[in-house]
Amino acid sequence: MTLLEAHDLQTRYGPGCPRCVESTGDRAGTNQCPHCGSVVACAEADLSVEAGEVLGIVGESGSGKSSLAELLALERDDDATTAGEVNYAGHDGNLLGVDYETRHDLRTGEIALVHQHIRDGLNLEFTGGGNVAEKLLSAGNRSYEDVRGRVRDLFDETEIPVARMDDPTSTYSGGMQRRVQIARALATDPDLVVLDEPTTGLDVSVQARVLDMFRRVQREEGVAAIVVSHDLSVVRLLADRTLVMRHGRIVESGLTDRIMEDPHHEYTQTLINSVI
């Protein structure tokens, strides 16, 4: 079953002009419009995600992958102009055009985002358990015992020491903070989790533990995911299919194994060769 389908997604920073899209992208070699100076962070993006599938989005810094992920996670940036259509199973109409209340309900229940930067996803002054409980309370849970029991289960599931539940999140290691973000994202049993650079700032050994944990939980829960990363090894480990982005455009897509073993686009070949 197709869970999410998106067509002609676009995010632009700046005043914009009629020539922005045609003057940017892979063939133009830039995402900045030479006519008006606007930055076309992503454009002409079409994609779909099946229920239970993991879709990878890979590209270098500035390729537009995070801007695309934010649109799919219904994260609104007041400084950007956005366009396109996002359709989600069980909902009528374009989700990019829904009102605040509907967007809040979707992001509380069905679509979750794990932010690249910890401070965007967690309140470090709250306890680790408090950060997860906040999501449950926002979804309407009111029983203290039920909320605390759910937090304990999520800590156990994401391999965070339950004994640390009541410690300030600022005292956690980077890997534990990342796992708290994932626990928070999973708290309300979403259908889709978007992870933006899930290994940023983590040591290699910690990265491996976080990724292995997420892969296990994702498979056990059957949740769909979109994993955004500049690191090909992250996408290779987690993703069933992969999109490659450059200068705000999707330049290649396909099964992850095919992308990694037989890349067609010159840019994808360069990305893969750079880590071999």
C-alpha atoms as a PDB file:
ATOM      1  CA  MET A   1       0.000   0.000   0.000  1.00  0.00           C
ATOM      2  CA  THR A   2       1.265   3.458  -0.889  1.00  0.00           C
ATOM      3  CA  LEU A   3       1.478   5.488   2.321  1.00  0.00           C
ATOM      4  CA  LEU A   4       2.728   8.802   0.957  1.00  0.00           C
ATOM      5  CA  GLU A   5       2.859  10.238  -2.546  1.00  0.00           C
ATOM      6  CA  ALA A   6       4.377  13.595  -3.460  1.00  0.00           C
ATOM      7  CA  HIS A   7       4.404  15.521  -6.719  1.00  0.00           C
ATOM      8  CA  ASP A   8       6.374  18.537  -7.958  1.00  0.00           C
ATOM      9  CA  LEU A   9       7.566  19.600  -4.505  1.00  0.00           C
ATOM     10  CA  GLN A  10       9.417  22.899  -4.300  1.00  0.00           C
ATOM     11  CA  THR A  11      11.016  25.042  -1.613  1.00  0.00           C
ATOM     12  CA  ARG A  12      12.409  28.465  -2.493  1.00  0.00           C
ATOM     13  CA  TYR A  13      14.148  31.127  -0.427  1.00  0.00           C
ATOM     14  CA  GLY A  14      13.991  34.637  -1.828  1.00  0.00           C
ATOM     15  CA  PRO A  15      11.612  36.740  -3.928  1.00  0.00           C
ATOM     16  CA  GLY A  16      11.459  34.318  -6.843  1.00  0.00           C
ATOM     17  CA  CYS A  17      10.920  34.956 -10.533  1.00  0.00           C
ATOM     18  CA  PRO A  18       9.426  33.067 -13.501  1.00  0.00           C
ATOM     19  CA  ARG A  19      12.867  31.718 -14.448  1.00  0.00           C
ATOM     20  CA  CYS A  20      13.943  30.302 -11.084  1.00  0.00           C
ATOM     21  CA  VAL A  21      13.242  26.641 -11.805  1.00  0.00           C
ATOM     22  CA  GLU A  22      14.519  26.554 -15.389  1.00  0.00           C
ATOM     23  CA  SER A  23      17.706  28.410 -14.385  1.00  0.00           C
ATOM     24  CA  THR A  24      18.680  26.111 -11.510  1.00  0.00           C
ATOM     25  CA  GLY A  25      19.250  22.434 -10.931  1.00  0.00           C
ATOM     26  CA  ASP A  26      21.680  19.751 -12.012  1.00  0.00           C
ATOM     27  CA  ARG A  27      22.165  20.897 -15.600  1.00  0.00           C
ATOM     28  CA  ALA A  28      22.597  24.511 -14.503  1.00  0.00           C
ATOM     29  CA  GLY A  29      25.112  23.434 -11.857  1.00  0.00           C
ATOM     30  CA  THR A  30      23.589  25.647  -9.175  1.00  0.00           C
ATOM     31  CA  ASN A  31      20.527  26.029  -6.974  1.00  0.00           C
ATOM     32  CA  GLN A  32      20.717  29.845  -6.986  1.00  0.00           C
ATOM     33  CA  CYS A  33      18.758  31.698  -9.632  1.00  0.00           C
ATOM     34  CA  PRO A  34      21.102  33.990 -11.619  1.00  0.00           C
ATOM     35  CA  HIS A  35      18.214  36.350 -12.391  1.00  0.00           C
ATOM     36  CA  CYS A  36      16.760  37.144  -8.962  1.00  0.00           C
ATOM     37  CA  GLY A  37      19.241  35.545  -6.548  1.00  0.00           C
ATOM     38  CA  SER A  38      16.670  33.229  -4.963  1.00  0.00           C
ATOM     39  CA  VAL A  39      17.814  29.821  -3.735  1.00  0.00           C
ATOM     40  CA  VAL A  40      15.714  26.939  -5.045  1.00  0.00           C
ATOM     41  CA  ALA A  41      16.382  24.440  -2.250  1.00  0.00           C
ATOM     42  CA  CYS A  42      14.407  21.727  -4.019  1.00  0.00           C
ATOM     43  CA  ALA A  43      12.138  21.566  -7.051  1.00  0.00           C
ATOM     44  CA  GLU A  44      10.407  19.137  -9.403  1.00  0.00           C
ATOM     45  CA  ALA A  45      10.555  16.403  -6.756  1.00  0.00           C
ATOM     46  CA  ASP A  46       8.277  13.390  -7.216  1.00  0.00           C
ATOM     47  CA  LEU A  47       8.385  10.384  -4.887  1.00  0.00           C
ATOM     48  CA  SER A  48       6.363   7.795  -3.018  1.00  0.00           C
ATOM     49  CA  VAL A  49       6.769   5.726   0.149  1.00  0.00           C
ATOM     50  CA  GLU A  50       5.124   2.357   0.693  1.00  0.00           C
ATOM     51  CA  ALA A  51       3.843   1.229   4.082  1.00  0.00           C
ATOM     52  CA  GLY A  52       6.728  -0.256   6.073  1.00  0.00           C
ATOM     53  CA  GLU A  53       9.343   0.844   3.519  1.00  0.00           C
ATOM     54  CA  VAL A  54      12.535   2.795   4.218  1.00  0.00           C
ATOM     55  CA  LEU A  55      13.354   5.443   1.603  1.00  0.00           C
ATOM     56  CA  GLY A  56      16.826   6.991   1.639  1.00  0.00           C
ATOM     57  CA  ILE A  57      17.604  10.500   0.415  1.00  0.00           C
ATOM     58  CA  VAL A  58      21.302  11.119  -0.094  1.00  0.00           C
ATOM     59  CA  GLY A  59      23.383  14.036  -1.334  1.00  0.00           C
ATOM     60  CA  GLU A  60      26.093  16.462  -0.323  1.00  0.00           C
ATOM     61  CA  SER A  61      25.489  19.499   1.890  1.00  0.00           C
ATOM     62  CA  GLY A  62      23.237  21.980   0.093  1.00  0.00           C
ATOM     63  CA  SER A  63      21.752  19.369  -2.247  1.00  0.00           C
ATOM     64  CA  GLY A  64      18.230  20.032  -0.960  1.00  0.00           C
ATOM     65  CA  LYS A  65      17.648  16.740   0.831  1.00  0.00           C
ATOM     66  CA  SER A  66      16.761  18.307   4.204  1.00  0.00           C
ATOM     67  CA  SER A  67      14.418  20.820   2.558  1.00  0.00           C
ATOM     68  CA  LEU A  68      12.624  17.963   0.820  1.00  0.00           C
ATOM     69  CA  ALA A  69      12.419  15.964   4.057  1.00  0.00           C
ATOM     70  CA  GLU A  70      10.946  18.920   5.933  1.00  0.00           C
ATOM     71  CA  LEU A  71       8.166  19.228   3.350  1.00  0.00           C
ATOM     72  CA  LEU A  72       7.368  15.523   3.707  1.00  0.00           C
ATOM     73  CA  ALA A  73       7.343  15.847   7.518  1.00  0.00           C
ATOM     74  CA  LEU A  74       5.008  18.877   7.263  1.00  0.00           C
ATOM     75  CA  GLU A  75       7.642  21.078   8.897  1.00  0.00           C
ATOM     76  CA  ARG A  76       6.793  24.653   7.946  1.00  0.00           C
ATOM     77  CA  ASP A  77       9.520  27.266   7.426  1.00  0.00           C
ATOM     78  CA  ASP A  78       8.057  30.771   7.454  1.00  0.00           C
ATOM     79  CA  ASP A  79      11.066  32.091   5.508  1.00  0.00           C
ATOM     80  CA  ALA A  80      10.436  29.746   2.575  1.00  0.00           C
ATOM     81  CA  THR A  81       7.931  29.636  -0.263  1.00  0.00           C
ATOM     82  CA  THR A  82       6.710  26.105  -0.891  1.00  0.00           C
ATOM     83  CA  ALA A  83       4.640  24.421  -3.584  1.00  0.00           C
ATOM     84  CA  GLY A  84       3.609  20.969  -4.711  1.00  0.00           C
ATOM     85  CA  GLU A  85       1.364  18.220  -3.431  1.00  0.00           C
ATOM     86  CA  VAL A  86       1.720  15.660  -0.631  1.00  0.00           C
ATOM     87  CA  ASN A  87      -0.960  12.988  -0.391  1.00  0.00           C
ATOM     88  CA  TYR A  88      -1.154  10.684   2.610  1.00  0.00           C
ATOM     89  CA  ALA A  89      -3.148   7.455   2.906  1.00  0.00           C
ATOM     90  CA  GLY A  90      -6.438   7.961   4.703  1.00  0.00           C
ATOM     91  CA  HIS A  91      -6.514  11.728   4.190  1.00  0.00           C
ATOM     92  CA  ASP A  92      -8.196  13.748   1.476  1.00  0.00           C
ATOM     93  CA  GLY A  93      -6.411  16.560  -0.310  1.00  0.00           C
ATOM     94  CA  ASN A  94      -2.953  18.089  -0.320  1.00  0.00           C
ATOM     95  CA  LEU A  95      -1.365  18.011   3.141  1.00  0.00           C
ATOM     96  CA  LEU A  96       0.776  21.057   2.329  1.00  0.00           C
ATOM     97  CA  GLY A  97      -2.404  23.116   2.361  1.00  0.00           C
ATOM     98  CA  VAL A  98      -3.973  21.919   5.613  1.00  0.00           C
ATOM     99  CA  ASP A  99      -4.643  24.226   8.544  1.00  0.00           C
ATOM    100  CA  TYR A 100      -2.529  24.392  11.703  1.00  0.00           C
ATOM    101  CA  GLU A 101      -4.762  22.089  13.734  1.00  0.00           C
ATOM    102  CA  THR A 102      -4.766  19.333  11.105  1.00  0.00           C
ATOM    103  CA  ARG A 103      -1.013  19.618  10.630  1.00  0.00           C
ATOM    104  CA  HIS A 104      -0.496  19.425  14.405  1.00  0.00           C
ATOM    105  CA  ASP A 105      -2.679  16.316  14.634  1.00  0.00           C
ATOM    106  CA  LEU A 106      -0.794  14.636  11.791  1.00  0.00           C
ATOM    107  CA  ARG A 107       2.610  15.445  13.264  1.00  0.00           C
ATOM    108  CA  THR A 108       1.514  14.347  16.714  1.00  0.00           C
ATOM    109  CA  GLY A 109       0.048  11.041  15.598  1.00  0.00           C
ATOM    110  CA  GLU A 110       0.960   9.824  12.125  1.00  0.00           C
ATOM    111  CA  ILE A 111       4.119  11.570  10.901  1.00  0.00           C
ATOM    112  CA  ALA A 112       7.175  12.088  13.126  1.00  0.00           C
ATOM    113  CA  LEU A 113      10.437  13.945  12.520  1.00  0.00           C
ATOM    114  CA  VAL A 114      13.805  13.216  14.123  1.00  0.00           C
ATOM    115  CA  HIS A 115      15.709  16.485  13.748  1.00  0.00           C
ATOM    116  CA  GLN A 116      19.316  16.754  12.626  1.00  0.00           C
ATOM    117  CA  HIS A 117      20.150  19.096  15.497  1.00  0.00           C
ATOM    118  CA  ILE A 118      19.340  17.790  18.973  1.00  0.00           C
ATOM    119  CA  ARG A 119      18.170  21.176  20.298  1.00  0.00           C
ATOM    120  CA  ASP A 120      15.532  21.346  17.558  1.00  0.00           C
ATOM    121  CA  GLY A 121      14.028  18.039  18.663  1.00  0.00           C
ATOM    122  CA  LEU A 122      14.499  17.996  22.443  1.00  0.00           C
ATOM    123  CA  ASN A 123      14.318  20.334  25.417  1.00  0.00           C
ATOM    124  CA  LEU A 124      17.617  19.618  27.136  1.00  0.00           C
ATOM    125  CA  GLU A 125      16.326  21.087  30.409  1.00  0.00           C
ATOM    126  CA  PHE A 126      13.578  18.450  30.562  1.00  0.00           C
ATOM    127  CA  THR A 127      14.318  14.947  31.757  1.00  0.00           C
ATOM    128  CA  GLY A 128      14.756  12.297  29.086  1.00  0.00           C
ATOM    129  CA  GLY A 129      11.447  10.769  30.095  1.00  0.00           C
ATOM    130  CA  GLY A 130       9.813  14.194  30.137  1.00  0.00           C
ATOM    131  CA  ASN A 131      10.719  14.795  26.497  1.00  0.00           C
ATOM    132  CA  VAL A 132       8.979  11.589  25.471  1.00  0.00           C
ATOM    133  CA  ALA A 133       6.042  12.154  27.832  1.00  0.00           C
ATOM    134  CA  GLU A 134       5.466  15.598  26.322  1.00  0.00           C
ATOM    135  CA  LYS A 135       4.680  13.967  22.960  1.00  0.00           C
ATOM    136  CA  LEU A 136       2.231  11.571  24.609  1.00  0.00           C
ATOM    137  CA  LEU A 137       0.515  14.379  26.517  1.00  0.00           C
ATOM    138  CA  SER A 138       0.260  16.419  23.316  1.00  0.00           C
ATOM    139  CA  ALA A 139      -1.545  13.453  21.757  1.00  0.00           C
ATOM    140  CA  GLY A 140      -4.146  13.518  24.533  1.00  0.00           C
ATOM    141  CA  ASN A 141      -2.834  10.940  27.005  1.00  0.00           C
ATOM    142  CA  ARG A 142      -3.761  12.041  30.531  1.00  0.00           C
ATOM    143  CA  SER A 143      -3.054   9.040  32.765  1.00  0.00           C
ATOM    144  CA  TYR A 144       0.226   9.541  34.634  1.00  0.00           C
ATOM    145  CA  GLU A 145       0.705   5.816  35.112  1.00  0.00           C
ATOM    146  CA  ASP A 146      -0.028   5.012  31.457  1.00  0.00           C
ATOM    147  CA  VAL A 147       2.307   7.738  30.201  1.00  0.00           C
ATOM    148  CA  ARG A 148       5.122   6.705  32.512  1.00  0.00           C
ATOM    149  CA  GLY A 149       4.658   3.049  31.591  1.00  0.00           C
ATOM    150  CA  ARG A 150       4.781   3.893  27.880  1.00  0.00           C
ATOM    151  CA  VAL A 151       7.957   5.945  28.390  1.00  0.00           C
ATOM    152  CA  ARG A 152       9.577   3.026  30.231  1.00  0.00           C
ATOM    153  CA  ASP A 153       8.674   0.692  27.360  1.00  0.00           C
ATOM    154  CA  LEU A 154      10.070   3.122  24.779  1.00  0.00           C
ATOM    155  CA  PHE A 155      13.313   3.575  26.717  1.00  0.00           C
ATOM    156  CA  ASP A 156      13.709  -0.178  26.859  1.00  0.00           C
ATOM    157  CA  GLU A 157      12.869  -0.538  23.162  1.00  0.00           C
ATOM    158  CA  THR A 158      15.384   2.110  22.092  1.00  0.00           C
ATOM    159  CA  GLU A 159      18.083   0.821  24.462  1.00  0.00           C
ATOM    160  CA  ILE A 160      18.157   3.794  26.843  1.00  0.00           C
ATOM    161  CA  PRO A 161      18.762   2.860  30.508  1.00  0.00           C
ATOM    162  CA  VAL A 162      15.354   3.110  32.183  1.00  0.00           C
ATOM    163  CA  ALA A 163      17.131   4.194  35.383  1.00  0.00           C
ATOM    164  CA  ARG A 164      18.070   7.453  33.570  1.00  0.00           C
ATOM    165  CA  MET A 165      14.437   8.414  32.801  1.00  0.00           C
ATOM    166  CA  ASP A 166      14.341  11.182  35.395  1.00  0.00           C
ATOM    167  CA  ASP A 167      17.774  12.639  34.645  1.00  0.00           C
ATOM    168  CA  PRO A 168      18.031  15.909  32.671  1.00  0.00           C
ATOM    169  CA  THR A 169      18.528  15.236  28.961  1.00  0.00           C
ATOM    170  CA  SER A 170      21.549  17.562  29.050  1.00  0.00           C
ATOM    171  CA  THR A 171      23.372  14.906  31.092  1.00  0.00           C
ATOM    172  CA  TYR A 172      22.887  12.232  28.413  1.00  0.00           C
ATOM    173  CA  SER A 173      25.551  11.322  25.872  1.00  0.00           C
ATOM    174  CA  GLY A 174      25.030  12.322  22.238  1.00  0.00           C
ATOM    175  CA  GLY A 175      24.018   8.787  21.326  1.00  0.00           C
ATOM    176  CA  MET A 176      21.484   8.629  24.152  1.00  0.00           C
ATOM    177  CA  GLN A 177      20.036  12.009  23.162  1.00  0.00           C
ATOM    178  CA  ARG A 178      19.591  10.726  19.612  1.00  0.00           C
ATOM    179  CA  ARG A 179      17.826   7.630  20.933  1.00  0.00           C
ATOM    180  CA  VAL A 180      15.538   9.824  23.073  1.00  0.00           C
ATOM    181  CA  GLN A 181      14.574  11.671  19.889  1.00  0.00           C
ATOM    182  CA  ILE A 182      13.764   8.351  18.237  1.00  0.00           C
ATOM    183  CA  ALA A 183      11.779   7.197  21.296  1.00  0.00           C
ATOM    184  CA  ARG A 184       9.841  10.470  21.208  1.00  0.00           C
ATOM    185  CA  ALA A 185       9.167  10.028  17.488  1.00  0.00           C
ATOM    186  CA  LEU A 186       7.843   6.494  18.027  1.00  0.00           C
ATOM    187  CA  ALA A 187       5.763   7.373  21.107  1.00  0.00           C
ATOM    188  CA  THR A 188       2.406   7.683  19.344  1.00  0.00           C
ATOM    189  CA  ASP A 189       2.935   4.772  16.922  1.00  0.00           C
ATOM    190  CA  PRO A 190       3.290   6.857  13.746  1.00  0.00           C
ATOM    191  CA  ASP A 191       3.028   5.330  10.283  1.00  0.00           C
ATOM    192  CA  LEU A 192       6.015   7.359   9.032  1.00  0.00           C
ATOM    193  CA  VAL A 193       9.208   8.598  10.694  1.00  0.00           C
ATOM    194  CA  VAL A 194      11.491  11.089   8.926  1.00  0.00           C
ATOM    195  CA  LEU A 195      15.104  11.030  10.155  1.00  0.00           C
ATOM    196  CA  ASP A 196      17.240  13.996   9.103  1.00  0.00           C
ATOM    197  CA  GLU A 197      20.973  13.153   9.364  1.00  0.00           C
ATOM    198  CA  PRO A 198      20.432  10.694  12.241  1.00  0.00           C
ATOM    199  CA  THR A 199      24.168  10.211  12.933  1.00  0.00           C
ATOM    200  CA  THR A 200      25.270  13.868  13.004  1.00  0.00           C
ATOM    201  CA  GLY A 201      27.877  14.481  15.701  1.00  0.00           C
ATOM    202  CA  LEU A 202      28.174  10.844  16.771  1.00  0.00           C
ATOM    203  CA  ASP A 203      31.335   8.746  16.915  1.00  0.00           C
ATOM    204  CA  VAL A 204      31.469   5.873  14.448  1.00  0.00           C
ATOM    205  CA  SER A 205      30.890   3.190  17.088  1.00  0.00           C
ATOM    206  CA  VAL A 206      27.917   5.120  18.519  1.00  0.00           C
ATOM    207  CA  GLN A 207      26.521   5.639  15.007  1.00  0.00           C
ATOM    208  CA  ALA A 208      26.498   1.891  14.456  1.00  0.00           C
ATOM    209  CA  ARG A 209      24.595   1.224  17.681  1.00  0.00           C
ATOM    210  CA  VAL A 210      21.983   3.902  16.956  1.00  0.00           C
ATOM    211  CA  LEU A 211      21.446   2.687  13.387  1.00  0.00           C
ATOM    212  CA  ASP A 212      21.246  -0.975  14.375  1.00  0.00           C
ATOM    213  CA  MET A 213      18.724  -0.072  17.067  1.00  0.00           C
ATOM    214  CA  PHE A 214      16.567   1.912  14.649  1.00  0.00           C
ATOM    215  CA  ARG A 215      16.686  -0.801  11.988  1.00  0.00           C
ATOM    216  CA  ARG A 216      15.541  -3.391  14.533  1.00  0.00           C
ATOM    217  CA  VAL A 217      12.717  -1.222  15.897  1.00  0.00           C
ATOM    218  CA  GLN A 218      11.617  -0.171  12.400  1.00  0.00           C
ATOM    219  CA  ARG A 219      11.293  -3.774  11.284  1.00  0.00           C
ATOM    220  CA  GLU A 220       9.578  -4.933  14.476  1.00  0.00           C
ATOM    221  CA  GLU A 221       7.065  -2.071  14.389  1.00  0.00           C
ATOM    222  CA  GLY A 222       6.613  -2.068  10.601  1.00  0.00           C
ATOM    223  CA  VAL A 223       6.876   1.720  10.505  1.00  0.00           C
ATOM    224  CA  ALA A 224       7.825   3.431   7.244  1.00  0.00           C
ATOM    225  CA  ALA A 225      10.798   5.796   7.301  1.00  0.00           C
ATOM    226  CA  ILE A 226      12.537   8.427   5.226  1.00  0.00           C
ATOM    227  CA  VAL A 227      16.236   8.597   6.075  1.00  0.00           C
ATOM    228  CA  VAL A 228      18.135  11.705   4.975  1.00  0.00           C
ATOM    229  CA  SER A 229      21.927  11.562   5.038  1.00  0.00           C
ATOM    230  CA  HIS A 230      25.110  12.682   3.311  1.00  0.00           C
ATOM    231  CA  ASP A 231      26.611   9.373   4.477  1.00  0.00           C
ATOM    232  CA  LEU A 232      26.137   6.575   1.955  1.00  0.00           C
ATOM    233  CA  SER A 233      26.837   3.902   4.572  1.00  0.00           C
ATOM    234  CA  VAL A 234      23.823   5.072   6.601  1.00  0.00           C
ATOM    235  CA  VAL A 235      21.517   4.871   3.599  1.00  0.00           C
ATOM    236  CA  ARG A 236      22.978   1.551   2.490  1.00  0.00           C
ATOM    237  CA  LEU A 237      22.298   0.029   5.917  1.00  0.00           C
ATOM    238  CA  LEU A 238      18.728   1.270   6.315  1.00  0.00           C
ATOM    239  CA  ALA A 239      17.088   2.060   2.965  1.00  0.00           C
ATOM    240  CA  ASP A 240      15.165  -0.204   0.583  1.00  0.00           C
ATOM    241  CA  ARG A 241      15.119   2.487  -2.109  1.00  0.00           C
ATOM    242  CA  THR A 242      17.257   5.596  -2.499  1.00  0.00           C
ATOM    243  CA  LEU A 243      16.944   9.031  -4.095  1.00  0.00           C
ATOM    244  CA  VAL A 244      20.106  10.947  -4.966  1.00  0.00           C
ATOM    245  CA  MET A 245      19.889  14.762  -4.899  1.00  0.00           C
ATOM    246  CA  ARG A 246      22.094  17.469  -6.348  1.00  0.00           C
ATOM    247  CA  HIS A 247      21.493  21.228  -6.695  1.00  0.00           C
ATOM    248  CA  GLY A 248      17.932  20.824  -5.439  1.00  0.00           C
ATOM    249  CA  ARG A 249      16.891  18.066  -7.859  1.00  0.00           C
ATOM    250  CA  ILE A 250      16.507  14.299  -7.712  1.00  0.00           C
ATOM    251  CA  VAL A 251      19.097  13.091 -10.221  1.00  0.00           C
ATOM    252  CA  GLU A 252      18.790   9.321  -9.693  1.00  0.00           C
ATOM    253  CA  SER A 253      16.470   6.899  -7.923  1.00  0.00           C
ATOM    254  CA  GLY A 254      16.089   3.163  -7.548  1.00  0.00           C
ATOM    255  CA  LEU A 255      16.647   0.180  -5.308  1.00  0.00           C
ATOM    256  CA  THR A 256      19.465   0.939  -2.896  1.00  0.00           C
ATOM    257  CA  ASP A 257      21.540  -2.084  -3.918  1.00  0.00           C
ATOM    258  CA  ARG A 258      21.305  -1.057  -7.589  1.00  0.00           C
ATOM    259  CA  ILE A 259      22.219   2.558  -6.810  1.00  0.00           C
ATOM    260  CA  MET A 260      25.263   1.484  -4.809  1.00  0.00           C
ATOM    261  CA  GLU A 261      26.485  -1.223  -7.190  1.00  0.00           C
ATOM    262  CA  ASP A 262      25.541   0.229 -10.577  1.00  0.00           C
ATOM    263  CA  PRO A 263      25.097   4.022 -10.309  1.00  0.00           C
ATOM    264  CA  HIS A 264      23.972   5.606 -13.570  1.00  0.00           C
ATOM    265  CA  HIS A 265      24.403   9.312 -12.919  1.00  0.00           C
ATOM    266  CA  GLU A 266      27.910  10.749 -12.941  1.00  0.00           C
ATOM    267  CA  TYR A 267      27.310  12.523  -9.646  1.00  0.00           C
ATOM    268  CA  THR A 268      26.172   9.289  -7.948  1.00  0.00           C
ATOM    269  CA  GLN A 269      29.282   7.557  -9.276  1.00  0.00           C
ATOM    270  CA  THR A 270      31.434  10.320  -7.794  1.00  0.00           C
ATOM    271  CA  LEU A 271      29.661  10.037  -4.414  1.00  0.00           C
ATOM    272  CA  ILE A 272      30.213   6.288  -4.267  1.00  0.00           C
ATOM    273  CA  ASN A 273      33.789   6.407  -5.514  1.00  0.00           C
ATOM    274  CA  SER A 274      34.639   9.000  -2.884  1.00  0.00           C
ATOM    275  CA  VAL A 275      33.994   6.502  -0.072  1.00  0.00           C
ATOM    276  CA  ILE A 276      35.455   3.380  -1.648  1.00  0.00           C
END
